[in-house]
Amino acid sequence: MILPDVTGFLALLPPGRAIAGLDLGDKTIGVALSDLRRSVATPVEVIRREKFSLDAARLLALLTERGASGIILGLPLNMDGSEGPRVQSTRAFARNLEKLTDLPITFWDERLSTVAAERALLEADTSRKGRKEVIDKVAASYILQGALDRMAYMTARQGDA
């Protein structure tokens, strides 16, 4: 099931299970997972893209193995907030993935996530080769962390009400 925002997504998640964050690229899929309390995102793996059926099989096997309860896809909006071809490609990936899993799927604005990941890797003095190998999963963790922070804020607000 594809949900338009994290509010509906959060309502469907069982407690005490991880959430996956994905950074879809043309050549790779960066994967990050949250801890069971959904407070910290950790980079996990970079899947080299081949064709959708193989990519989806590897991704879903990884998510099953790690006990993920939902998927957050980075949505590559243009800087002005408009949707371009990359957003259409991401939405198509979500629609195709939805046919293969019962996990809820939603989107998170990923503008500047790769820039932030690159900056963090530079600050950690990671070599150019090292950055290239991990940038997508680090970007996925930035995407996921943004969504986790928003969900924590929403949950805290509900507790205050």
N, C-alpha and C. Protein backbone atom coordinates (compact mmCIF):
# COMPACT_ATOMS: atom_id res chain seq x y z
N MET A 1 0.85 -1.17 0.00
CA MET A 1 0.00 0.00 0.00
C MET A 1 0.90 1.24 0.00
N ILE A 2 0.65 2.14 -0.95
CA ILE A 2 1.40 3.39 -1.03
C ILE A 2 0.58 4.48 -0.33
N LEU A 3 1.23 5.14 0.61
CA LEU A 3 0.57 6.20 1.36
C LEU A 3 1.18 7.54 0.98
N PRO A 4 0.37 8.58 0.87
CA PRO A 4 0.87 9.86 0.39
C PRO A 4 1.78 10.60 1.37
N ASP A 5 1.70 10.27 2.67
CA ASP A 5 2.54 10.99 3.63
C ASP A 5 2.83 10.10 4.85
N VAL A 6 3.72 10.56 5.71
CA VAL A 6 4.14 9.75 6.85
C VAL A 6 3.07 9.61 7.92
N THR A 7 2.06 10.46 7.93
CA THR A 7 1.01 10.36 8.94
C THR A 7 0.26 9.04 8.80
N GLY A 8 -0.24 8.75 7.61
CA GLY A 8 -0.94 7.49 7.37
C GLY A 8 -0.01 6.29 7.46
N PHE A 9 1.22 6.49 7.03
CA PHE A 9 2.25 5.44 7.08
C PHE A 9 2.50 5.03 8.53
N LEU A 10 2.71 6.01 9.40
CA LEU A 10 2.98 5.76 10.81
C LEU A 10 1.84 5.00 11.47
N ALA A 11 0.62 5.32 11.10
CA ALA A 11 -0.56 4.67 11.69
C ALA A 11 -0.61 3.18 11.38
N LEU A 12 0.00 2.74 10.29
CA LEU A 12 -0.04 1.33 9.90
C LEU A 12 1.10 0.49 10.45
N LEU A 13 2.10 1.14 11.03
CA LEU A 13 3.29 0.40 11.47
C LEU A 13 3.10 -0.28 12.81
N PRO A 14 3.48 -1.56 12.90
CA PRO A 14 3.45 -2.23 14.20
C PRO A 14 4.61 -1.70 15.05
N PRO A 15 4.44 -1.65 16.36
CA PRO A 15 5.53 -1.15 17.22
C PRO A 15 6.70 -2.12 17.26
N GLY A 16 7.88 -1.57 17.55
CA GLY A 16 9.05 -2.39 17.79
C GLY A 16 9.65 -3.07 16.57
N ARG A 17 9.41 -2.49 15.40
CA ARG A 17 10.01 -3.05 14.18
C ARG A 17 10.69 -1.94 13.39
N ALA A 18 11.72 -2.29 12.67
CA ALA A 18 12.50 -1.33 11.90
C ALA A 18 11.74 -0.83 10.68
N ILE A 19 12.21 0.31 10.18
CA ILE A 19 11.71 0.88 8.93
C ILE A 19 12.90 1.00 7.99
N ALA A 20 12.67 0.79 6.71
CA ALA A 20 13.73 0.93 5.70
C ALA A 20 13.61 2.27 5.00
N GLY A 21 14.75 2.85 4.69
CA GLY A 21 14.81 4.05 3.86
C GLY A 21 15.58 3.72 2.60
N LEU A 22 15.10 4.20 1.46
CA LEU A 22 15.75 3.89 0.19
C LEU A 22 16.11 5.17 -0.56
N ASP A 23 17.31 5.16 -1.14
CA ASP A 23 17.74 6.22 -2.04
C ASP A 23 17.90 5.56 -3.41
N LEU A 24 16.94 5.81 -4.30
CA LEU A 24 16.96 5.20 -5.62
C LEU A 24 17.82 6.01 -6.57
N GLY A 25 18.78 5.34 -7.16
CA GLY A 25 19.58 5.98 -8.21
C GLY A 25 19.41 5.19 -9.49
N ASP A 26 20.00 5.69 -10.56
CA ASP A 26 19.92 4.98 -11.83
C ASP A 26 20.69 3.66 -11.79
N LYS A 27 21.79 3.64 -11.04
CA LYS A 27 22.66 2.46 -11.02
C LYS A 27 22.62 1.69 -9.70
N THR A 28 22.15 2.33 -8.66
CA THR A 28 22.16 1.71 -7.33
C THR A 28 20.91 2.05 -6.55
N ILE A 29 20.69 1.25 -5.49
CA ILE A 29 19.67 1.55 -4.50
C ILE A 29 20.37 1.55 -3.15
N GLY A 30 20.43 2.71 -2.52
CA GLY A 30 20.99 2.80 -1.18
C GLY A 30 19.93 2.38 -0.18
N VAL A 31 20.32 1.54 0.79
CA VAL A 31 19.36 1.04 1.78
C VAL A 31 19.87 1.39 3.18
N ALA A 32 18.96 1.92 3.98
CA ALA A 32 19.23 2.19 5.39
C ALA A 32 18.09 1.59 6.20
N LEU A 33 18.38 1.27 7.45
CA LEU A 33 17.34 0.74 8.35
C LEU A 33 17.38 1.47 9.67
N SER A 34 16.22 1.58 10.28
CA SER A 34 16.15 2.19 11.60
C SER A 34 16.40 1.12 12.66
N ASP A 35 16.64 1.59 13.87
CA ASP A 35 16.66 0.68 15.01
C ASP A 35 15.20 0.34 15.35
N LEU A 36 15.00 -0.56 16.30
CA LEU A 36 13.64 -1.00 16.63
C LEU A 36 12.80 0.09 17.27
N ARG A 37 13.44 1.06 17.88
CA ARG A 37 12.71 2.19 18.48
C ARG A 37 12.43 3.29 17.46
N ARG A 38 12.97 3.12 16.27
CA ARG A 38 12.79 4.08 15.18
C ARG A 38 13.31 5.46 15.52
N SER A 39 14.50 5.49 16.12
CA SER A 39 15.09 6.79 16.43
C SER A 39 16.37 7.06 15.65
N VAL A 40 17.06 6.01 15.20
CA VAL A 40 18.34 6.18 14.51
C VAL A 40 18.35 5.39 13.21
N ALA A 41 18.76 6.07 12.13
CA ALA A 41 18.89 5.43 10.82
C ALA A 41 20.34 5.02 10.61
N THR A 42 20.54 3.81 10.11
CA THR A 42 21.88 3.30 9.86
C THR A 42 22.01 2.83 8.42
N PRO A 43 23.08 3.28 7.72
CA PRO A 43 23.30 2.79 6.36
C PRO A 43 23.56 1.28 6.39
N VAL A 44 22.96 0.53 5.46
CA VAL A 44 23.07 -0.92 5.49
C VAL A 44 23.75 -1.50 4.25
N GLU A 45 23.26 -1.12 3.08
CA GLU A 45 23.73 -1.80 1.87
C GLU A 45 23.48 -0.93 0.64
N VAL A 46 24.29 -1.19 -0.39
CA VAL A 46 24.05 -0.60 -1.70
C VAL A 46 23.77 -1.75 -2.66
N ILE A 47 22.60 -1.73 -3.25
CA ILE A 47 22.22 -2.77 -4.22
C ILE A 47 22.53 -2.23 -5.62
N ARG A 48 23.34 -2.95 -6.35
CA ARG A 48 23.64 -2.57 -7.74
C ARG A 48 22.44 -2.94 -8.60
N ARG A 49 21.89 -1.97 -9.29
CA ARG A 49 20.68 -2.22 -10.07
C ARG A 49 21.00 -3.00 -11.34
N GLU A 50 20.13 -3.98 -11.60
CA GLU A 50 20.24 -4.78 -12.82
C GLU A 50 18.93 -4.64 -13.59
N LYS A 51 17.90 -5.31 -13.10
CA LYS A 51 16.56 -5.11 -13.64
C LYS A 51 15.60 -5.19 -12.47
N PHE A 52 14.42 -4.64 -12.63
CA PHE A 52 13.52 -4.47 -11.49
C PHE A 52 13.29 -5.76 -10.72
N SER A 53 13.01 -6.86 -11.40
CA SER A 53 12.67 -8.10 -10.69
C SER A 53 13.82 -8.56 -9.79
N LEU A 54 15.04 -8.46 -10.27
CA LEU A 54 16.20 -8.85 -9.46
C LEU A 54 16.44 -7.87 -8.32
N ASP A 55 16.33 -6.57 -8.63
CA ASP A 55 16.52 -5.54 -7.60
C ASP A 55 15.49 -5.69 -6.48
N ALA A 56 14.23 -5.89 -6.87
CA ALA A 56 13.15 -6.02 -5.89
C ALA A 56 13.33 -7.28 -5.05
N ALA A 57 13.74 -8.38 -5.68
CA ALA A 57 13.95 -9.64 -4.94
C ALA A 57 15.04 -9.47 -3.89
N ARG A 58 16.15 -8.83 -4.27
CA ARG A 58 17.25 -8.61 -3.31
C ARG A 58 16.79 -7.68 -2.18
N LEU A 59 16.10 -6.61 -2.55
CA LEU A 59 15.63 -5.64 -1.57
C LEU A 59 14.66 -6.28 -0.59
N LEU A 60 13.67 -6.99 -1.10
CA LEU A 60 12.66 -7.59 -0.22
C LEU A 60 13.25 -8.70 0.64
N ALA A 61 14.24 -9.43 0.12
CA ALA A 61 14.92 -10.44 0.93
C ALA A 61 15.65 -9.77 2.10
N LEU A 62 16.32 -8.67 1.81
CA LEU A 62 17.04 -7.92 2.85
C LEU A 62 16.07 -7.38 3.90
N LEU A 63 14.95 -6.82 3.46
CA LEU A 63 13.98 -6.25 4.39
C LEU A 63 13.32 -7.33 5.24
N THR A 64 13.07 -8.49 4.65
CA THR A 64 12.50 -9.61 5.41
C THR A 64 13.51 -10.09 6.44
N GLU A 65 14.74 -10.24 6.01
CA GLU A 65 15.82 -10.71 6.90
C GLU A 65 15.99 -9.77 8.10
N ARG A 66 15.83 -8.47 7.87
CA ARG A 66 16.01 -7.47 8.92
C ARG A 66 14.72 -7.11 9.65
N GLY A 67 13.60 -7.71 9.26
CA GLY A 67 12.33 -7.48 9.95
C GLY A 67 11.74 -6.10 9.76
N ALA A 68 11.95 -5.51 8.60
CA ALA A 68 11.43 -4.16 8.34
C ALA A 68 9.90 -4.20 8.24
N SER A 69 9.27 -3.14 8.74
CA SER A 69 7.80 -3.08 8.74
C SER A 69 7.25 -2.05 7.77
N GLY A 70 8.12 -1.31 7.09
CA GLY A 70 7.68 -0.30 6.14
C GLY A 70 8.84 0.23 5.34
N ILE A 71 8.53 0.93 4.25
CA ILE A 71 9.55 1.43 3.33
C ILE A 71 9.30 2.91 3.07
N ILE A 72 10.37 3.70 3.24
CA ILE A 72 10.32 5.12 2.93
C ILE A 72 11.25 5.35 1.74
N LEU A 73 10.68 5.81 0.65
CA LEU A 73 11.45 6.09 -0.57
C LEU A 73 11.77 7.58 -0.64
N GLY A 74 13.04 7.89 -0.88
CA GLY A 74 13.41 9.27 -1.10
C GLY A 74 12.77 9.77 -2.38
N LEU A 75 12.11 10.92 -2.31
CA LEU A 75 11.45 11.50 -3.47
C LEU A 75 12.31 12.67 -3.99
N PRO A 76 12.92 12.50 -5.17
CA PRO A 76 13.88 13.50 -5.68
C PRO A 76 13.20 14.70 -6.35
N LEU A 77 12.55 15.50 -5.53
CA LEU A 77 11.90 16.71 -6.05
C LEU A 77 12.95 17.70 -6.55
N ASN A 78 12.55 18.54 -7.50
CA ASN A 78 13.42 19.62 -7.94
C ASN A 78 13.52 20.64 -6.80
N MET A 79 14.53 21.47 -6.84
CA MET A 79 14.75 22.44 -5.76
C MET A 79 13.55 23.37 -5.56
N ASP A 80 12.77 23.61 -6.62
CA ASP A 80 11.59 24.46 -6.49
C ASP A 80 10.35 23.68 -6.04
N GLY A 81 10.53 22.37 -5.73
CA GLY A 81 9.43 21.55 -5.25
C GLY A 81 8.65 20.85 -6.35
N SER A 82 8.96 21.14 -7.59
CA SER A 82 8.25 20.51 -8.71
C SER A 82 8.75 19.09 -8.92
N GLU A 83 7.95 18.32 -9.65
CA GLU A 83 8.29 16.93 -9.93
C GLU A 83 8.80 16.79 -11.36
N GLY A 84 9.92 16.12 -11.50
CA GLY A 84 10.51 15.87 -12.81
C GLY A 84 10.52 14.38 -13.12
N PRO A 85 11.29 13.99 -14.13
CA PRO A 85 11.35 12.59 -14.55
C PRO A 85 11.83 11.63 -13.45
N ARG A 86 12.74 12.08 -12.59
CA ARG A 86 13.25 11.20 -11.53
C ARG A 86 12.15 10.88 -10.51
N VAL A 87 11.27 11.84 -10.25
CA VAL A 87 10.14 11.60 -9.34
C VAL A 87 9.19 10.59 -9.97
N GLN A 88 8.93 10.74 -11.26
CA GLN A 88 8.06 9.80 -11.95
C GLN A 88 8.64 8.39 -11.90
N SER A 89 9.94 8.28 -12.07
CA SER A 89 10.63 6.98 -12.00
C SER A 89 10.51 6.37 -10.60
N THR A 90 10.66 7.21 -9.57
CA THR A 90 10.55 6.74 -8.19
C THR A 90 9.13 6.26 -7.89
N ARG A 91 8.15 7.01 -8.34
CA ARG A 91 6.75 6.61 -8.12
C ARG A 91 6.44 5.31 -8.86
N ALA A 92 7.00 5.13 -10.06
CA ALA A 92 6.80 3.89 -10.82
C ALA A 92 7.44 2.71 -10.08
N PHE A 93 8.63 2.93 -9.51
CA PHE A 93 9.30 1.89 -8.72
C PHE A 93 8.40 1.49 -7.56
N ALA A 94 7.83 2.49 -6.86
CA ALA A 94 6.94 2.21 -5.72
C ALA A 94 5.72 1.42 -6.16
N ARG A 95 5.11 1.79 -7.27
CA ARG A 95 3.93 1.07 -7.77
C ARG A 95 4.27 -0.39 -8.10
N ASN A 96 5.42 -0.60 -8.71
CA ASN A 96 5.84 -1.97 -9.04
C ASN A 96 6.18 -2.77 -7.78
N LEU A 97 6.82 -2.12 -6.81
CA LEU A 97 7.19 -2.79 -5.56
C LEU A 97 5.94 -3.14 -4.75
N GLU A 98 4.95 -2.26 -4.79
CA GLU A 98 3.69 -2.46 -4.07
C GLU A 98 3.03 -3.78 -4.46
N LYS A 99 3.21 -4.20 -5.70
CA LYS A 99 2.62 -5.45 -6.19
C LYS A 99 3.30 -6.68 -5.59
N LEU A 100 4.49 -6.50 -5.03
CA LEU A 100 5.29 -7.62 -4.54
C LEU A 100 5.34 -7.73 -3.02
N THR A 101 4.83 -6.73 -2.32
CA THR A 101 4.93 -6.75 -0.86
C THR A 101 3.70 -6.13 -0.21
N ASP A 102 3.44 -6.56 1.02
CA ASP A 102 2.36 -5.96 1.82
C ASP A 102 2.87 -4.82 2.69
N LEU A 103 4.18 -4.57 2.68
CA LEU A 103 4.73 -3.50 3.50
C LEU A 103 4.20 -2.15 3.03
N PRO A 104 3.81 -1.28 3.96
CA PRO A 104 3.40 0.06 3.56
C PRO A 104 4.60 0.83 2.99
N ILE A 105 4.33 1.66 2.01
CA ILE A 105 5.36 2.45 1.33
C ILE A 105 4.94 3.91 1.36
N THR A 106 5.87 4.80 1.65
CA THR A 106 5.61 6.23 1.55
C THR A 106 6.84 6.93 1.01
N PHE A 107 6.74 8.23 0.85
CA PHE A 107 7.82 9.03 0.26
C PHE A 107 8.29 10.09 1.25
N TRP A 108 9.56 10.49 1.10
CA TRP A 108 10.11 11.57 1.89
C TRP A 108 10.95 12.44 0.98
N ASP A 109 10.77 13.74 1.09
CA ASP A 109 11.52 14.71 0.28
C ASP A 109 13.02 14.50 0.52
N GLU A 110 13.73 14.16 -0.53
CA GLU A 110 15.15 13.87 -0.37
C GLU A 110 16.05 14.99 -0.87
N ARG A 111 15.49 16.16 -1.14
CA ARG A 111 16.34 17.25 -1.62
C ARG A 111 17.52 17.45 -0.68
N LEU A 112 18.67 17.50 -1.26
CA LEU A 112 19.95 17.75 -0.58
C LEU A 112 20.44 16.59 0.29
N SER A 113 19.78 15.44 0.28
CA SER A 113 20.26 14.33 1.09
C SER A 113 21.63 13.84 0.60
N THR A 114 21.83 13.77 -0.71
CA THR A 114 23.12 13.33 -1.23
C THR A 114 24.19 14.37 -0.93
N VAL A 115 23.83 15.64 -0.99
CA VAL A 115 24.78 16.70 -0.66
C VAL A 115 25.20 16.58 0.80
N ALA A 116 24.24 16.36 1.69
CA ALA A 116 24.54 16.21 3.12
C ALA A 116 25.39 14.97 3.37
N ALA A 117 25.08 13.88 2.68
CA ALA A 117 25.86 12.65 2.83
C ALA A 117 27.28 12.86 2.35
N GLU A 118 27.43 13.52 1.22
CA GLU A 118 28.77 13.81 0.67
C GLU A 118 29.57 14.66 1.65
N ARG A 119 28.93 15.68 2.20
CA ARG A 119 29.61 16.57 3.16
C ARG A 119 30.06 15.78 4.40
N ALA A 120 29.19 14.90 4.91
CA ALA A 120 29.55 14.10 6.09
C ALA A 120 30.73 13.18 5.79
N LEU A 121 30.73 12.59 4.60
CA LEU A 121 31.83 11.70 4.23
C LEU A 121 33.13 12.47 4.03
N LEU A 122 33.04 13.67 3.48
CA LEU A 122 34.23 14.52 3.35
C LEU A 122 34.78 14.90 4.72
N GLU A 123 33.88 15.25 5.63
CA GLU A 123 34.31 15.62 6.99
C GLU A 123 34.96 14.44 7.70
N ALA A 124 34.53 13.23 7.34
CA ALA A 124 35.11 12.02 7.93
C ALA A 124 36.39 11.61 7.19
N ASP A 125 36.81 12.45 6.23
CA ASP A 125 38.03 12.23 5.46
C ASP A 125 37.99 10.90 4.69
N THR A 126 36.82 10.57 4.16
CA THR A 126 36.66 9.36 3.36
C THR A 126 37.24 9.60 1.97
N SER A 127 37.98 8.64 1.47
CA SER A 127 38.58 8.77 0.14
C SER A 127 37.50 8.87 -0.92
N ARG A 128 37.89 9.37 -2.10
CA ARG A 128 36.93 9.49 -3.21
C ARG A 128 36.34 8.13 -3.54
N LYS A 129 37.19 7.09 -3.60
CA LYS A 129 36.72 5.74 -3.89
C LYS A 129 35.77 5.26 -2.79
N GLY A 130 36.12 5.52 -1.55
CA GLY A 130 35.28 5.13 -0.42
C GLY A 130 33.92 5.82 -0.45
N ARG A 131 33.94 7.12 -0.79
CA ARG A 131 32.67 7.87 -0.88
C ARG A 131 31.78 7.28 -1.96
N LYS A 132 32.38 6.96 -3.09
CA LYS A 132 31.59 6.42 -4.21
C LYS A 132 30.90 5.11 -3.81
N GLU A 133 31.57 4.31 -2.99
CA GLU A 133 31.03 3.01 -2.59
C GLU A 133 29.90 3.12 -1.59
N VAL A 134 29.89 4.16 -0.77
CA VAL A 134 28.92 4.23 0.33
C VAL A 134 27.92 5.38 0.23
N ILE A 135 28.12 6.29 -0.71
CA ILE A 135 27.30 7.51 -0.75
C ILE A 135 25.80 7.22 -0.79
N ASP A 136 25.39 6.21 -1.54
CA ASP A 136 23.95 5.94 -1.68
C ASP A 136 23.32 5.43 -0.40
N LYS A 137 24.02 4.57 0.34
CA LYS A 137 23.43 4.09 1.58
C LYS A 137 23.49 5.16 2.67
N VAL A 138 24.49 6.03 2.62
CA VAL A 138 24.54 7.15 3.56
C VAL A 138 23.41 8.14 3.24
N ALA A 139 23.18 8.40 1.95
CA ALA A 139 22.05 9.26 1.55
C ALA A 139 20.72 8.64 2.00
N ALA A 140 20.60 7.32 1.87
CA ALA A 140 19.38 6.63 2.33
C ALA A 140 19.18 6.85 3.83
N SER A 141 20.28 6.85 4.59
CA SER A 141 20.14 7.06 6.04
C SER A 141 19.72 8.49 6.35
N TYR A 142 20.16 9.46 5.54
CA TYR A 142 19.71 10.85 5.73
C TYR A 142 18.21 10.97 5.44
N ILE A 143 17.77 10.31 4.38
CA ILE A 143 16.34 10.30 4.03
C ILE A 143 15.53 9.70 5.17
N LEU A 144 15.96 8.52 5.62
CA LEU A 144 15.24 7.82 6.68
C LEU A 144 15.27 8.62 7.98
N GLN A 145 16.41 9.21 8.32
CA GLN A 145 16.50 9.96 9.57
C GLN A 145 15.55 11.14 9.58
N GLY A 146 15.42 11.81 8.45
CA GLY A 146 14.47 12.92 8.36
C GLY A 146 13.06 12.46 8.63
N ALA A 147 12.68 11.34 8.06
CA ALA A 147 11.33 10.80 8.27
C ALA A 147 11.16 10.33 9.72
N LEU A 148 12.18 9.69 10.28
CA LEU A 148 12.10 9.23 11.68
C LEU A 148 11.92 10.41 12.63
N ASP A 149 12.68 11.48 12.38
CA ASP A 149 12.56 12.67 13.23
C ASP A 149 11.16 13.26 13.15
N ARG A 150 10.61 13.30 11.95
CA ARG A 150 9.25 13.82 11.77
C ARG A 150 8.22 12.94 12.49
N MET A 151 8.37 11.61 12.37
CA MET A 151 7.44 10.70 13.03
C MET A 151 7.55 10.81 14.54
N ALA A 152 8.76 10.99 15.07
CA ALA A 152 8.94 11.15 16.51
C ALA A 152 8.25 12.43 16.98
N TYR A 153 8.38 13.49 16.20
CA TYR A 153 7.73 14.76 16.54
C TYR A 153 6.20 14.59 16.54
N MET A 154 5.68 13.90 15.52
CA MET A 154 4.24 13.67 15.43
C MET A 154 3.75 12.85 16.63
N THR A 155 4.49 11.83 17.01
CA THR A 155 4.11 10.97 18.12
C THR A 155 4.14 11.77 19.44
N ALA A 156 5.17 12.61 19.61
CA ALA A 156 5.26 13.44 20.82
C ALA A 156 4.10 14.42 20.90
N ARG A 157 3.73 14.99 19.77
CA ARG A 157 2.60 15.93 19.73
C ARG A 157 1.31 15.25 20.11
N GLN A 158 1.15 13.99 19.66
CA GLN A 158 -0.08 13.24 20.01
C GLN A 158 -0.12 12.98 21.50
N GLY A 159 1.07 12.74 22.10
CA GLY A 159 1.14 12.52 23.54
C GLY A 159 0.79 13.76 24.34
N ASP A 160 1.07 14.95 23.78
CA ASP A 160 0.77 16.21 24.45
C ASP A 160 -0.71 16.57 24.38
N ALA A 161 -1.39 16.00 23.41
CA ALA A 161 -2.80 16.38 23.20
C ALA A 161 -3.72 15.79 24.24
